[in-house]
C-alpha cells in the first residue's frame, strides 16, 4: 500500500511539473529576432539584399550572387549594434589564370585596371571556395524595426578557422568595418 501512495504522489508531482514547464514560454533572443528578415540597399546600380534567418545569412543582388553562411551567431555590442558571425557555405574565390573546363562559365572576367593596381582576373562565389566552412563576420548598427546599416568584414583576413578567433579578429577596432550599407526592411 505504501508503494501505491508513493506512486500516486510521484505521478501527481510529475503531472504538475509537466504542466508548469509546458506553460513556460522560453525567452526569445531579441538580438536575432530583430535582425530576421530581408534587408534591401537600393542603388542606381541595382539592389543589394541581406537575407537573415535565425540560422543563416545570405547576401545577393539584382544582378549578382554573393556569399552565404549558416551557424549564425549574434554578438550584441549595444541595443542597436553588434556583429553577426556565420560559417561560410558559399564564398568568394578568384584566379589570375583563365578557367577552362566544365565550370569555366561560372567565372566572371575582371579586366586589368592599372589605376587601381589590379591585374586581369576571374572570380566567382561558390560552395567550393577556400573559405567555405570557415567563420566570417558582418557588423550592424543603427538597427530599428525598419532600418539597419550593414558592413561585411573587409581587411587582411577573409575568414577564421574558429568562431572564437573570428570574434577576436573581425572587429571595428581592427579596421574590418568601414563602409556600411544603409538598408530598409522589405
N, C-alpha and C. Protein backbone atom coordinates (compact mmCIF):
# COMPACT_ATOMS: atom_id res chain seq x y z
N UNK A 1 0.81 -1.18 0.00
CA UNK A 1 0.00 0.00 0.00
C UNK A 1 0.87 1.26 0.00
N UNK A 2 1.99 1.16 0.72
CA UNK A 2 2.90 2.29 0.80
C UNK A 2 3.42 2.66 -0.60
N UNK A 3 3.76 1.66 -1.42
CA UNK A 3 4.25 1.90 -2.77
C UNK A 3 3.18 2.53 -3.66
N UNK A 4 1.92 2.16 -3.43
CA UNK A 4 0.82 2.71 -4.22
C UNK A 4 0.66 4.20 -3.93
N UNK A 5 0.73 4.60 -2.64
CA UNK A 5 0.63 6.01 -2.27
C UNK A 5 1.79 6.80 -2.87
N UNK A 6 3.01 6.22 -2.78
CA UNK A 6 4.19 6.88 -3.36
C UNK A 6 4.04 7.03 -4.87
N UNK A 7 3.54 6.00 -5.54
CA UNK A 7 3.35 6.03 -6.99
C UNK A 7 2.35 7.11 -7.37
N UNK A 8 1.25 7.22 -6.65
CA UNK A 8 0.25 8.26 -6.93
C UNK A 8 0.84 9.65 -6.69
N UNK A 9 1.56 9.80 -5.59
CA UNK A 9 2.18 11.09 -5.28
C UNK A 9 3.20 11.46 -6.35
N UNK A 10 4.03 10.49 -6.76
CA UNK A 10 5.03 10.72 -7.80
C UNK A 10 4.36 11.11 -9.11
N UNK A 11 3.27 10.42 -9.47
CA UNK A 11 2.55 10.71 -10.70
C UNK A 11 1.95 12.12 -10.65
N UNK A 12 1.40 12.49 -9.50
CA UNK A 12 0.79 13.82 -9.36
C UNK A 12 1.84 14.92 -9.47
N UNK A 13 2.97 14.74 -8.81
CA UNK A 13 4.05 15.73 -8.86
C UNK A 13 4.61 15.84 -10.27
N UNK A 14 4.80 14.72 -10.94
CA UNK A 14 5.29 14.71 -12.32
C UNK A 14 4.32 15.44 -13.24
N UNK A 15 3.02 15.16 -13.09
CA UNK A 15 2.00 15.81 -13.91
C UNK A 15 2.03 17.33 -13.72
N UNK A 16 2.08 17.79 -12.49
CA UNK A 16 2.12 19.23 -12.19
C UNK A 16 3.39 19.85 -12.78
N UNK A 17 4.52 19.16 -12.66
CA UNK A 17 5.78 19.68 -13.20
C UNK A 17 5.71 19.80 -14.71
N UNK A 18 5.12 18.82 -15.38
CA UNK A 18 5.00 18.87 -16.84
C UNK A 18 4.10 20.02 -17.26
N UNK A 19 2.98 20.21 -16.56
CA UNK A 19 2.09 21.34 -16.87
C UNK A 19 2.80 22.68 -16.67
N UNK A 20 3.56 22.79 -15.60
CA UNK A 20 4.27 24.03 -15.32
C UNK A 20 5.30 24.33 -16.40
N UNK A 21 6.05 23.31 -16.81
CA UNK A 21 7.06 23.51 -17.85
C UNK A 21 6.43 23.81 -19.20
N UNK A 22 5.31 23.16 -19.50
CA UNK A 22 4.64 23.39 -20.78
C UNK A 22 4.10 24.81 -20.86
N UNK A 23 3.73 25.38 -19.73
CA UNK A 23 3.19 26.74 -19.71
C UNK A 23 4.25 27.81 -19.75
N UNK A 24 5.51 27.45 -19.52
CA UNK A 24 6.59 28.43 -19.51
C UNK A 24 6.97 28.78 -20.94
N UNK A 25 7.00 30.05 -21.23
CA UNK A 25 7.44 30.49 -22.54
C UNK A 25 8.94 30.76 -22.46
N UNK A 26 9.68 30.19 -23.37
CA UNK A 26 11.12 30.40 -23.39
C UNK A 26 11.41 31.83 -23.86
N UNK A 27 12.39 32.51 -23.26
CA UNK A 27 12.69 33.87 -23.68
C UNK A 27 13.21 33.88 -25.12
N UNK A 28 12.78 34.88 -25.87
CA UNK A 28 13.21 34.98 -27.26
C UNK A 28 14.53 35.74 -27.33
N UNK A 29 15.41 35.32 -28.20
CA UNK A 29 16.68 36.01 -28.40
C UNK A 29 16.41 37.25 -29.23
N UNK A 30 16.27 38.40 -28.57
CA UNK A 30 15.90 39.62 -29.28
C UNK A 30 16.96 40.05 -30.28
N UNK A 31 18.21 39.75 -30.01
CA UNK A 31 19.26 40.15 -30.93
C UNK A 31 19.09 39.48 -32.28
N UNK A 32 18.62 38.25 -32.30
CA UNK A 32 18.40 37.56 -33.56
C UNK A 32 17.04 37.91 -34.14
N UNK A 33 16.00 37.90 -33.31
CA UNK A 33 14.65 38.11 -33.83
C UNK A 33 14.49 39.48 -34.47
N UNK A 34 15.13 40.50 -33.97
CA UNK A 34 15.01 41.83 -34.57
C UNK A 34 15.80 41.94 -35.87
N UNK A 35 16.73 41.04 -36.10
CA UNK A 35 17.52 41.05 -37.34
C UNK A 35 16.87 40.24 -38.45
N UNK A 36 16.00 39.30 -38.09
CA UNK A 36 15.42 38.39 -39.07
C UNK A 36 14.59 39.14 -40.11
N UNK A 37 14.82 38.80 -41.36
CA UNK A 37 14.08 39.40 -42.46
C UNK A 37 14.99 39.62 -43.65
N UNK A 38 14.46 40.29 -44.65
CA UNK A 38 15.25 40.65 -45.82
C UNK A 38 15.44 42.15 -45.80
N UNK A 39 16.68 42.57 -45.82
CA UNK A 39 17.06 43.98 -45.78
C UNK A 39 17.57 44.37 -47.16
N UNK A 40 17.16 45.54 -47.66
CA UNK A 40 17.47 45.95 -49.02
C UNK A 40 18.20 47.29 -49.02
N UNK A 41 19.32 47.33 -49.76
CA UNK A 41 20.00 48.58 -50.02
C UNK A 41 19.68 48.94 -51.47
N UNK A 42 18.90 50.01 -51.65
CA UNK A 42 18.52 50.44 -53.00
C UNK A 42 19.64 51.26 -53.60
N UNK A 43 19.93 51.01 -54.88
CA UNK A 43 21.01 51.70 -55.56
C UNK A 43 20.66 51.88 -57.03
N UNK A 44 21.24 52.87 -57.65
CA UNK A 44 21.02 53.07 -59.09
C UNK A 44 21.65 51.94 -59.89
N UNK A 45 22.58 51.20 -59.27
CA UNK A 45 23.24 50.08 -59.94
C UNK A 45 22.52 48.76 -59.71
N UNK A 46 21.43 48.78 -58.97
CA UNK A 46 20.70 47.56 -58.62
C UNK A 46 20.67 47.36 -57.13
N UNK A 47 19.67 46.68 -56.66
CA UNK A 47 19.50 46.46 -55.22
C UNK A 47 20.42 45.37 -54.69
N UNK A 48 20.85 45.55 -53.44
CA UNK A 48 21.58 44.52 -52.71
C UNK A 48 20.67 44.03 -51.60
N UNK A 49 20.68 42.71 -51.38
CA UNK A 49 19.81 42.10 -50.39
C UNK A 49 20.63 41.37 -49.33
N UNK A 50 20.19 41.47 -48.09
CA UNK A 50 20.77 40.75 -46.98
C UNK A 50 19.63 39.98 -46.33
N UNK A 51 19.59 38.68 -46.54
CA UNK A 51 18.52 37.84 -46.01
C UNK A 51 19.03 37.15 -44.75
N UNK A 52 18.35 37.40 -43.63
CA UNK A 52 18.77 36.85 -42.34
C UNK A 52 17.65 35.99 -41.77
N UNK A 53 17.99 34.76 -41.41
CA UNK A 53 17.06 33.90 -40.67
C UNK A 53 17.69 33.66 -39.29
N UNK A 54 17.05 32.83 -38.50
CA UNK A 54 17.61 32.57 -37.17
C UNK A 54 18.90 31.75 -37.23
N UNK A 55 19.18 31.13 -38.40
CA UNK A 55 20.38 30.29 -38.51
C UNK A 55 21.25 30.60 -39.73
N UNK A 56 20.78 31.46 -40.66
CA UNK A 56 21.54 31.71 -41.89
C UNK A 56 21.61 33.18 -42.24
N UNK A 57 22.59 33.51 -43.08
CA UNK A 57 22.77 34.86 -43.61
C UNK A 57 23.13 34.70 -45.08
N UNK A 58 22.53 35.54 -45.93
CA UNK A 58 22.82 35.47 -47.36
C UNK A 58 22.86 36.88 -47.93
N UNK A 59 23.84 37.16 -48.78
CA UNK A 59 23.96 38.43 -49.48
C UNK A 59 23.91 38.17 -50.98
N UNK A 60 23.07 38.93 -51.69
CA UNK A 60 22.96 38.81 -53.14
C UNK A 60 22.38 40.10 -53.70
N UNK A 61 22.37 40.24 -55.01
CA UNK A 61 21.86 41.44 -55.64
C UNK A 61 20.96 41.13 -56.81
N UNK A 62 20.42 42.19 -57.41
CA UNK A 62 19.56 42.01 -58.58
C UNK A 62 20.32 41.37 -59.73
N UNK A 63 21.60 41.71 -59.83
CA UNK A 63 22.39 41.24 -60.98
C UNK A 63 23.62 40.42 -60.58
N UNK A 64 23.71 40.04 -59.34
CA UNK A 64 24.87 39.27 -58.91
C UNK A 64 24.51 38.35 -57.76
N UNK A 65 25.34 37.34 -57.57
CA UNK A 65 25.22 36.49 -56.39
C UNK A 65 26.45 36.73 -55.53
N UNK A 66 26.33 36.43 -54.25
CA UNK A 66 27.44 36.73 -53.36
C UNK A 66 27.59 35.61 -52.34
N UNK A 67 27.94 35.95 -51.11
CA UNK A 67 28.28 34.96 -50.10
C UNK A 67 27.07 34.57 -49.25
N UNK A 68 27.22 33.44 -48.54
CA UNK A 68 26.17 32.95 -47.64
C UNK A 68 26.82 32.12 -46.54
N UNK A 69 26.08 31.93 -45.46
CA UNK A 69 26.61 31.12 -44.38
C UNK A 69 25.51 30.64 -43.45
N UNK A 70 25.89 29.68 -42.60
CA UNK A 70 24.96 29.16 -41.60
C UNK A 70 25.62 29.24 -40.23
N UNK A 71 25.06 28.55 -39.25
CA UNK A 71 25.56 28.58 -37.87
C UNK A 71 25.58 30.01 -37.33
N UNK A 72 24.59 30.82 -37.74
CA UNK A 72 24.54 32.24 -37.39
C UNK A 72 24.62 32.44 -35.88
N UNK A 73 25.53 33.31 -35.48
CA UNK A 73 25.73 33.67 -34.09
C UNK A 73 25.78 35.18 -34.00
N UNK A 74 25.00 35.77 -33.09
CA UNK A 74 24.96 37.22 -32.94
C UNK A 74 25.61 37.61 -31.62
N UNK A 75 26.49 38.62 -31.69
CA UNK A 75 27.09 39.21 -30.51
C UNK A 75 26.68 40.67 -30.50
N UNK A 76 25.86 41.05 -29.52
CA UNK A 76 25.41 42.43 -29.41
C UNK A 76 26.48 43.28 -28.73
N UNK A 77 26.73 44.47 -29.30
CA UNK A 77 27.61 45.44 -28.65
C UNK A 77 26.78 46.42 -27.84
N UNK A 78 25.69 46.89 -28.45
CA UNK A 78 24.72 47.75 -27.78
C UNK A 78 23.34 47.26 -28.18
N UNK A 79 22.30 47.98 -27.76
CA UNK A 79 20.94 47.60 -28.10
C UNK A 79 20.68 47.58 -29.60
N UNK A 80 21.39 48.45 -30.33
CA UNK A 80 21.12 48.55 -31.77
C UNK A 80 22.34 48.29 -32.64
N UNK A 81 23.35 47.62 -32.08
CA UNK A 81 24.54 47.31 -32.88
C UNK A 81 25.19 46.02 -32.40
N UNK A 82 25.97 45.43 -33.29
CA UNK A 82 26.66 44.20 -32.95
C UNK A 82 27.29 43.56 -34.16
N UNK A 83 27.62 42.29 -34.02
CA UNK A 83 28.22 41.54 -35.14
C UNK A 83 27.49 40.22 -35.32
N UNK A 84 27.36 39.84 -36.57
CA UNK A 84 26.75 38.57 -36.95
C UNK A 84 27.90 37.68 -37.46
N UNK A 85 28.03 36.50 -36.90
CA UNK A 85 29.06 35.56 -37.34
C UNK A 85 28.39 34.41 -38.07
N UNK A 86 28.98 34.04 -39.20
CA UNK A 86 28.46 32.90 -39.98
C UNK A 86 29.61 32.00 -40.37
N UNK A 87 29.27 30.76 -40.60
CA UNK A 87 30.22 29.80 -41.16
C UNK A 87 29.88 29.74 -42.65
N UNK A 88 30.84 30.17 -43.48
CA UNK A 88 30.60 30.23 -44.92
C UNK A 88 30.06 28.91 -45.49
N UNK A 89 29.00 29.02 -46.30
CA UNK A 89 28.53 27.90 -47.12
C UNK A 89 28.75 28.22 -48.60
N UNK A 90 29.00 29.51 -48.86
CA UNK A 90 29.28 29.98 -50.22
C UNK A 90 30.17 31.21 -50.07
N UNK A 91 31.27 31.25 -50.81
CA UNK A 91 32.23 32.32 -50.61
C UNK A 91 32.92 32.72 -51.92
N UNK A 92 33.65 33.83 -51.84
CA UNK A 92 34.38 34.40 -52.97
C UNK A 92 35.66 33.62 -53.23
N UNK A 93 35.95 33.43 -54.50
CA UNK A 93 37.25 32.89 -54.90
C UNK A 93 37.66 33.56 -56.20
N UNK A 94 38.95 33.67 -56.43
CA UNK A 94 39.44 34.31 -57.66
C UNK A 94 40.69 33.59 -58.16
N UNK A 95 41.00 33.87 -59.43
CA UNK A 95 42.19 33.31 -60.04
C UNK A 95 42.72 34.27 -61.10
N UNK A 96 44.01 34.26 -61.32
CA UNK A 96 44.61 35.08 -62.38
C UNK A 96 44.81 34.27 -63.65
N UNK A 97 44.40 33.01 -63.63
CA UNK A 97 44.50 32.12 -64.79
C UNK A 97 43.10 31.87 -65.33
N UNK A 98 42.93 32.07 -66.63
CA UNK A 98 41.61 31.88 -67.21
C UNK A 98 41.12 30.45 -66.99
N UNK A 99 39.94 30.30 -66.36
CA UNK A 99 39.40 28.96 -66.10
C UNK A 99 39.01 28.26 -67.39
N UNK A 100 39.20 26.96 -67.40
CA UNK A 100 38.80 26.12 -68.53
C UNK A 100 38.00 24.95 -67.99
N UNK A 101 37.39 24.21 -68.86
CA UNK A 101 36.66 23.02 -68.43
C UNK A 101 35.18 23.28 -68.26
N UNK A 102 34.52 22.32 -67.63
CA UNK A 102 33.06 22.35 -67.49
C UNK A 102 32.54 23.54 -66.70
N UNK A 103 33.29 24.01 -65.71
CA UNK A 103 32.79 25.11 -64.89
C UNK A 103 33.33 26.48 -65.30
N UNK A 104 33.96 26.59 -66.44
CA UNK A 104 34.52 27.88 -66.91
C UNK A 104 33.46 28.96 -67.00
N UNK A 105 32.25 28.59 -67.34
CA UNK A 105 31.16 29.57 -67.48
C UNK A 105 30.70 30.14 -66.14
N UNK A 106 31.09 29.53 -65.04
CA UNK A 106 30.66 30.03 -63.73
C UNK A 106 31.54 31.17 -63.23
N UNK A 107 32.62 31.47 -63.94
CA UNK A 107 33.55 32.52 -63.55
C UNK A 107 33.21 33.82 -64.28
N UNK A 108 33.45 34.96 -63.62
CA UNK A 108 33.24 36.28 -64.21
C UNK A 108 34.60 36.92 -64.46
N UNK A 109 34.74 37.46 -65.66
CA UNK A 109 36.01 38.09 -66.05
C UNK A 109 36.09 39.51 -65.47
N UNK A 110 37.25 39.86 -64.96
CA UNK A 110 37.51 41.20 -64.44
C UNK A 110 38.79 41.71 -65.12
N UNK A 111 38.66 42.68 -66.04
CA UNK A 111 39.84 43.17 -66.76
C UNK A 111 40.82 43.89 -65.84
N UNK A 112 42.04 43.97 -66.28
CA UNK A 112 43.07 44.69 -65.52
C UNK A 112 42.70 46.15 -65.43
N UNK A 113 43.02 46.77 -64.30
CA UNK A 113 42.77 48.19 -64.11
C UNK A 113 44.04 48.81 -63.51
N UNK A 114 44.92 49.35 -64.36
CA UNK A 114 46.18 49.93 -63.86
C UNK A 114 45.97 51.04 -62.83
N UNK A 115 44.90 51.80 -62.96
CA UNK A 115 44.63 52.88 -62.00
C UNK A 115 44.41 52.33 -60.60
N UNK A 116 43.83 51.15 -60.49
CA UNK A 116 43.59 50.52 -59.20
C UNK A 116 44.69 49.54 -58.83
N UNK A 117 45.60 49.31 -59.75
CA UNK A 117 46.68 48.37 -59.49
C UNK A 117 46.25 46.92 -59.52
N UNK A 118 45.21 46.63 -60.31
CA UNK A 118 44.73 45.24 -60.38
C UNK A 118 45.09 44.61 -61.71
N UNK A 119 45.32 43.33 -61.66
CA UNK A 119 45.63 42.55 -62.86
C UNK A 119 44.36 41.88 -63.38
N UNK A 120 44.44 41.39 -64.59
CA UNK A 120 43.34 40.62 -65.16
C UNK A 120 43.04 39.43 -64.26
N UNK A 121 41.76 39.16 -64.00
CA UNK A 121 41.41 38.04 -63.14
C UNK A 121 40.01 37.53 -63.44
N UNK A 122 39.67 36.41 -62.81
CA UNK A 122 38.34 35.82 -62.90
C UNK A 122 37.91 35.52 -61.46
N UNK A 123 36.61 35.69 -61.19
CA UNK A 123 36.11 35.44 -59.84
C UNK A 123 34.72 34.81 -59.89
N UNK A 124 34.34 34.24 -58.76
CA UNK A 124 33.01 33.69 -58.58
C UNK A 124 32.74 33.48 -57.09
N UNK A 125 31.50 33.23 -56.78
CA UNK A 125 31.10 32.83 -55.43
C UNK A 125 30.65 31.38 -55.56
N UNK A 126 31.26 30.50 -54.77
CA UNK A 126 30.95 29.08 -54.91
C UNK A 126 30.96 28.36 -53.57
N UNK A 127 30.42 27.16 -53.60
CA UNK A 127 30.39 26.32 -52.40
C UNK A 127 31.68 25.53 -52.23
N UNK A 128 32.63 25.71 -53.16
CA UNK A 128 33.92 25.02 -53.07
C UNK A 128 35.08 26.00 -52.85
N UNK A 129 34.77 27.26 -52.60
CA UNK A 129 35.81 28.27 -52.38
C UNK A 129 36.62 27.92 -51.13
N UNK A 130 37.87 28.39 -51.06
CA UNK A 130 38.74 28.05 -49.92
C UNK A 130 38.19 28.47 -48.54
N UNK A 131 37.38 29.53 -48.47
CA UNK A 131 36.86 29.98 -47.17
C UNK A 131 35.63 29.21 -46.70
N UNK A 132 35.03 28.41 -47.54
CA UNK A 132 33.82 27.66 -47.15
C UNK A 132 34.15 26.75 -45.96
N UNK A 133 33.27 26.81 -44.96
CA UNK A 133 33.48 26.04 -43.73
C UNK A 133 34.20 26.82 -42.66
N UNK A 134 34.63 28.03 -42.99
CA UNK A 134 35.32 28.89 -42.02
C UNK A 134 34.39 30.04 -41.62
N UNK A 135 34.79 30.79 -40.58
CA UNK A 135 33.95 31.83 -39.99
C UNK A 135 34.21 33.21 -40.59
N UNK A 136 33.15 33.99 -40.69
CA UNK A 136 33.17 35.35 -41.24
C UNK A 136 32.25 36.22 -40.39
N UNK A 137 32.41 37.54 -40.47
CA UNK A 137 31.59 38.44 -39.66
C UNK A 137 30.98 39.57 -40.47
N UNK A 138 29.81 39.98 -40.04
CA UNK A 138 29.10 41.13 -40.59
C UNK A 138 28.77 42.04 -39.40
N UNK A 139 29.09 43.31 -39.52
CA UNK A 139 28.77 44.26 -38.46
C UNK A 139 27.45 44.95 -38.80
N UNK A 140 26.66 45.24 -37.78
CA UNK A 140 25.45 46.03 -37.99
C UNK A 140 25.38 47.13 -36.94
N UNK A 141 24.70 48.22 -37.30
CA UNK A 141 24.49 49.31 -36.36
C UNK A 141 23.22 50.06 -36.75
N UNK A 142 22.77 50.92 -35.86
CA UNK A 142 21.57 51.73 -36.07
C UNK A 142 20.35 50.88 -36.41
N UNK A 143 20.22 49.73 -35.77
CA UNK A 143 19.12 48.81 -36.01
C UNK A 143 17.82 49.37 -35.44
N UNK A 144 16.79 49.47 -36.29
CA UNK A 144 15.43 49.79 -35.86
C UNK A 144 14.52 48.71 -36.43
N UNK A 145 13.23 48.86 -36.22
CA UNK A 145 12.28 47.89 -36.76
C UNK A 145 12.28 47.90 -38.29
N UNK A 146 12.66 49.04 -38.90
CA UNK A 146 12.57 49.18 -40.36
C UNK A 146 13.87 49.49 -41.07
N UNK A 147 14.96 49.67 -40.33
CA UNK A 147 16.22 50.03 -40.99
C UNK A 147 17.42 49.48 -40.23
N UNK A 148 18.52 49.38 -40.99
CA UNK A 148 19.76 48.85 -40.42
C UNK A 148 20.91 49.30 -41.32
N UNK A 149 22.09 49.40 -40.75
CA UNK A 149 23.31 49.62 -41.53
C UNK A 149 24.16 48.37 -41.38
N UNK A 150 24.62 47.82 -42.51
CA UNK A 150 25.33 46.54 -42.53
C UNK A 150 26.68 46.69 -43.23
N UNK A 151 27.71 46.06 -42.66
CA UNK A 151 29.05 46.07 -43.26
C UNK A 151 29.68 44.69 -43.13
N UNK A 152 30.07 44.11 -44.26
CA UNK A 152 30.80 42.85 -44.23
C UNK A 152 32.26 43.13 -43.90
N UNK A 153 32.90 42.22 -43.20
CA UNK A 153 34.31 42.38 -42.83
C UNK A 153 35.17 42.43 -44.08
N UNK A 154 36.03 43.44 -44.15
CA UNK A 154 36.97 43.59 -45.28
C UNK A 154 38.30 44.02 -44.70
N UNK A 155 39.32 43.19 -44.93
CA UNK A 155 40.63 43.50 -44.39
C UNK A 155 41.63 42.43 -44.75
N UNK A 156 42.62 42.26 -43.90
CA UNK A 156 43.71 41.34 -44.21
C UNK A 156 43.27 39.88 -44.22
N UNK A 157 42.34 39.50 -43.35
CA UNK A 157 41.85 38.12 -43.31
C UNK A 157 40.47 38.05 -43.94
N UNK A 158 40.20 36.96 -44.63
CA UNK A 158 38.88 36.76 -45.24
C UNK A 158 38.02 35.78 -44.45
N UNK A 159 38.63 35.03 -43.55
CA UNK A 159 37.90 34.08 -42.71
C UNK A 159 38.79 33.63 -41.57
N UNK A 160 38.17 32.96 -40.60
CA UNK A 160 38.90 32.39 -39.46
C UNK A 160 38.47 30.94 -39.26
N UNK A 161 39.36 30.14 -38.72
CA UNK A 161 39.07 28.72 -38.52
C UNK A 161 38.03 28.46 -37.43
N UNK A 162 37.99 29.31 -36.39
CA UNK A 162 37.05 29.09 -35.29
C UNK A 162 36.23 30.34 -35.03
N UNK A 163 35.09 30.15 -34.39
CA UNK A 163 34.23 31.28 -34.01
C UNK A 163 34.96 32.20 -33.04
N UNK A 164 35.65 31.64 -32.07
CA UNK A 164 36.37 32.46 -31.09
C UNK A 164 37.43 33.33 -31.77
N UNK A 165 38.14 32.76 -32.73
CA UNK A 165 39.14 33.53 -33.47
C UNK A 165 38.47 34.65 -34.27
N UNK A 166 37.32 34.35 -34.88
CA UNK A 166 36.59 35.36 -35.66
C UNK A 166 36.11 36.50 -34.77
N UNK A 167 35.66 36.19 -33.56
CA UNK A 167 35.20 37.23 -32.63
C UNK A 167 36.33 38.18 -32.26
N UNK A 168 37.53 37.65 -32.15
CA UNK A 168 38.70 38.47 -31.81
C UNK A 168 39.23 39.24 -33.01
N UNK A 169 39.24 38.62 -34.17
CA UNK A 169 39.81 39.22 -35.38
C UNK A 169 38.91 40.27 -36.02
N UNK A 170 37.66 39.92 -36.27
CA UNK A 170 36.74 40.79 -37.02
C UNK A 170 36.07 41.79 -36.09
N UNK A 171 36.77 42.90 -35.86
CA UNK A 171 36.25 43.97 -35.00
C UNK A 171 36.38 45.31 -35.71
N UNK A 172 35.62 46.27 -35.22
CA UNK A 172 35.71 47.64 -35.72
C UNK A 172 37.10 48.19 -35.40
N UNK A 173 37.58 47.91 -34.20
CA UNK A 173 38.91 48.40 -33.78
C UNK A 173 40.03 47.87 -34.66
N UNK A 174 39.87 46.67 -35.22
CA UNK A 174 40.88 46.11 -36.12
C UNK A 174 40.71 46.60 -37.55
N UNK A 175 39.76 47.49 -37.79
CA UNK A 175 39.59 48.11 -39.10
C UNK A 175 38.84 47.31 -40.14
N UNK A 176 38.09 46.31 -39.73
CA UNK A 176 37.40 45.46 -40.71
C UNK A 176 36.08 46.04 -41.24
N UNK A 177 35.51 47.01 -40.55
CA UNK A 177 34.21 47.53 -40.94
C UNK A 177 34.28 49.04 -41.15
N UNK A 178 34.38 49.47 -42.40
CA UNK A 178 34.48 50.90 -42.66
C UNK A 178 33.31 51.44 -43.48
N UNK A 179 32.78 50.63 -44.41
CA UNK A 179 31.65 51.08 -45.22
C UNK A 179 30.40 50.31 -44.82
N UNK A 180 29.34 51.04 -44.46
CA UNK A 180 28.07 50.43 -44.09
C UNK A 180 27.01 50.72 -45.14
N UNK A 181 26.28 49.70 -45.54
CA UNK A 181 25.16 49.85 -46.46
C UNK A 181 23.92 50.20 -45.65
N UNK A 182 23.24 51.28 -46.02
CA UNK A 182 22.00 51.67 -45.36
C UNK A 182 20.86 50.88 -45.99
N UNK A 183 20.19 50.06 -45.19
CA UNK A 183 19.17 49.15 -45.71
C UNK A 183 17.83 49.38 -45.05
N UNK A 184 16.77 49.07 -45.79
CA UNK A 184 15.42 49.10 -45.28
C UNK A 184 14.87 47.69 -45.26
N UNK A 185 13.99 47.41 -44.31
CA UNK A 185 13.39 46.08 -44.22
C UNK A 185 12.36 45.92 -45.33
N UNK A 186 12.41 44.82 -46.01
CA UNK A 186 11.49 44.57 -47.11
C UNK A 186 10.20 43.96 -46.59
